[in-house]
Amino acid sequence: MPQNVEYWITDRPDGRFDVVVKLGSGKTFRRAGCVSRTEADTWIDGLRMLMVAIGAPVSAADTTSDDASLPGSQTMHDAGHSAS
């Protein structure tokens, strides 16, 4: 059965962005060092296309999640990005 996939985009102190992805199984991945928010959004679009191929829905995570507060990062909820 396909797993749900959630993501967060986090600010880094150096002005870059990280994308944190959590699978329904609890496994977490990070795409670190996107130069711009646009680059992070483009990466998420690629993730969505890949996950659609296996039937796994991708959604922005709730900022109240335990994984939303990573050390050294501020979480930004990607509320403006809708599923395709």
C-alpha atoms as a PDB file:
ATOM      1  CA  MET A   1       0.000   0.000   0.000  1.00  0.00           C
ATOM      2  CA  PRO A   2       1.387   3.464  -0.889  1.00  0.00           C
ATOM      3  CA  GLN A   3       2.584   5.610   1.984  1.00  0.00           C
ATOM      4  CA  ASN A   4       1.615   9.200   2.581  1.00  0.00           C
ATOM      5  CA  VAL A   5       4.475  11.641   2.059  1.00  0.00           C
ATOM      6  CA  GLU A   6       4.721  14.933   3.961  1.00  0.00           C
ATOM      7  CA  TYR A   7       7.252  17.714   3.520  1.00  0.00           C
ATOM      8  CA  TRP A   8       8.468  20.889   5.164  1.00  0.00           C
ATOM      9  CA  ILE A   9      10.584  23.687   3.779  1.00  0.00           C
ATOM     10  CA  THR A  10      12.950  25.111   6.352  1.00  0.00           C
ATOM     11  CA  ASP A  11      14.949  28.342   6.404  1.00  0.00           C
ATOM     12  CA  ARG A  12      18.675  28.086   7.038  1.00  0.00           C
ATOM     13  CA  PRO A  13      20.668  30.861   8.703  1.00  0.00           C
ATOM     14  CA  ASP A  14      22.733  31.239   5.498  1.00  0.00           C
ATOM     15  CA  GLY A  15      19.615  32.167   3.476  1.00  0.00           C
ATOM     16  CA  ARG A  16      19.264  28.790   1.780  1.00  0.00           C
ATOM     17  CA  PHE A  17      16.383  26.341   2.153  1.00  0.00           C
ATOM     18  CA  ASP A  18      16.151  22.671   3.091  1.00  0.00           C
ATOM     19  CA  VAL A  19      13.296  20.381   2.135  1.00  0.00           C
ATOM     20  CA  VAL A  20      12.492  17.744   4.755  1.00  0.00           C
ATOM     21  CA  VAL A  21      10.395  14.788   3.597  1.00  0.00           C
ATOM     22  CA  LYS A  22       8.781  12.249   5.917  1.00  0.00           C
ATOM     23  CA  LEU A  23       7.330   8.989   4.641  1.00  0.00           C
ATOM     24  CA  GLY A  24       4.337   7.354   6.287  1.00  0.00           C
ATOM     25  CA  SER A  25       6.736   4.740   7.683  1.00  0.00           C
ATOM     26  CA  GLY A  26       8.448   7.479   9.700  1.00  0.00           C
ATOM     27  CA  LYS A  27      11.645   7.562   7.613  1.00  0.00           C
ATOM     28  CA  THR A  28      12.855  11.139   7.064  1.00  0.00           C
ATOM     29  CA  PHE A  29      14.935  12.538   4.195  1.00  0.00           C
ATOM     30  CA  ARG A  30      16.424  16.003   3.675  1.00  0.00           C
ATOM     31  CA  ARG A  31      17.304  17.866   0.465  1.00  0.00           C
ATOM     32  CA  ALA A  32      19.742  20.395   1.872  1.00  0.00           C
ATOM     33  CA  GLY A  33      20.972  23.708   0.523  1.00  0.00           C
ATOM     34  CA  CYS A  34      18.464  24.846  -2.094  1.00  0.00           C
ATOM     35  CA  VAL A  35      19.647  28.295  -3.191  1.00  0.00           C
ATOM     36  CA  SER A  36      16.135  29.723  -3.492  1.00  0.00           C
ATOM     37  CA  ARG A  37      12.568  28.970  -2.512  1.00  0.00           C
ATOM     38  CA  THR A  38      11.883  28.410  -6.208  1.00  0.00           C
ATOM     39  CA  GLU A  39      14.535  25.681  -6.319  1.00  0.00           C
ATOM     40  CA  ALA A  40      12.938  24.018  -3.258  1.00  0.00           C
ATOM     41  CA  ASP A  41       9.479  24.217  -4.856  1.00  0.00           C
ATOM     42  CA  THR A  42      10.839  22.738  -8.106  1.00  0.00           C
ATOM     43  CA  TRP A  43      12.359  19.861  -6.144  1.00  0.00           C
ATOM     44  CA  ILE A  44       8.990  19.234  -4.454  1.00  0.00           C
ATOM     45  CA  ASP A  45       7.278  19.226  -7.866  1.00  0.00           C
ATOM     46  CA  GLY A  46       9.714  16.493  -8.958  1.00  0.00           C
ATOM     47  CA  LEU A  47       8.966  14.565  -5.772  1.00  0.00           C
ATOM     48  CA  ARG A  48       5.231  14.832  -6.513  1.00  0.00           C
ATOM     49  CA  MET A  49       5.702  13.439 -10.042  1.00  0.00           C
ATOM     50  CA  LEU A  50       7.744  10.523  -8.718  1.00  0.00           C
ATOM     51  CA  MET A  51       5.270   9.729  -5.951  1.00  0.00           C
ATOM     52  CA  VAL A  52       2.267   9.931  -8.325  1.00  0.00           C
ATOM     53  CA  ALA A  53       3.862   7.097 -10.292  1.00  0.00           C
ATOM     54  CA  ILE A  54       3.530   4.830  -7.240  1.00  0.00           C
ATOM     55  CA  GLY A  55       0.261   6.279  -5.959  1.00  0.00           C
ATOM     56  CA  ALA A  56       1.677   7.983  -2.867  1.00  0.00           C
ATOM     57  CA  PRO A  57       0.043  11.333  -2.037  1.00  0.00           C
ATOM     58  CA  VAL A  58       2.387  14.235  -1.206  1.00  0.00           C
ATOM     59  CA  SER A  59       1.252  17.083   1.042  1.00  0.00           C
ATOM     60  CA  ALA A  60       2.667  19.949   3.054  1.00  0.00           C
ATOM     61  CA  ALA A  61       3.053  18.852   6.661  1.00  0.00           C
ATOM     62  CA  ASP A  62       1.306  20.445   9.593  1.00  0.00           C
ATOM     63  CA  THR A  63       3.754  22.804  11.305  1.00  0.00           C
ATOM     64  CA  THR A  64       2.725  21.447  14.697  1.00  0.00           C
ATOM     65  CA  SER A  65       4.380  18.109  13.909  1.00  0.00           C
ATOM     66  CA  ASP A  66       7.325  17.016  16.077  1.00  0.00           C
ATOM     67  CA  ASP A  67       9.577  16.816  13.002  1.00  0.00           C
ATOM     68  CA  ALA A  68       8.776  20.385  12.012  1.00  0.00           C
ATOM     69  CA  SER A  69      11.272  21.859  14.464  1.00  0.00           C
ATOM     70  CA  LEU A  70      14.697  20.703  13.382  1.00  0.00           C
ATOM     71  CA  PRO A  71      17.813  22.013  15.173  1.00  0.00           C
ATOM     72  CA  GLY A  72      19.111  25.199  13.602  1.00  0.00           C
ATOM     73  CA  SER A  73      16.089  25.665  11.375  1.00  0.00           C
ATOM     74  CA  GLN A  74      12.890  27.635  11.351  1.00  0.00           C
ATOM     75  CA  THR A  75       9.964  25.826   9.827  1.00  0.00           C
ATOM     76  CA  MET A  76       7.964  27.500   7.112  1.00  0.00           C
ATOM     77  CA  HIS A  77       4.633  25.913   6.238  1.00  0.00           C
ATOM     78  CA  ASP A  78       4.209  25.677   2.492  1.00  0.00           C
ATOM     79  CA  ALA A  79       0.520  26.636   2.609  1.00  0.00           C
ATOM     80  CA  GLY A  80       0.543  28.269  -0.822  1.00  0.00           C
ATOM     81  CA  HIS A  81       1.607  25.129  -2.672  1.00  0.00           C
ATOM     82  CA  SER A  82      -1.343  22.979  -3.706  1.00  0.00           C
ATOM     83  CA  ALA A  83      -1.329  19.414  -4.932  1.00  0.00           C
ATOM     84  CA  SER A  84      -1.542  18.886  -8.685  1.00  0.00           C
END
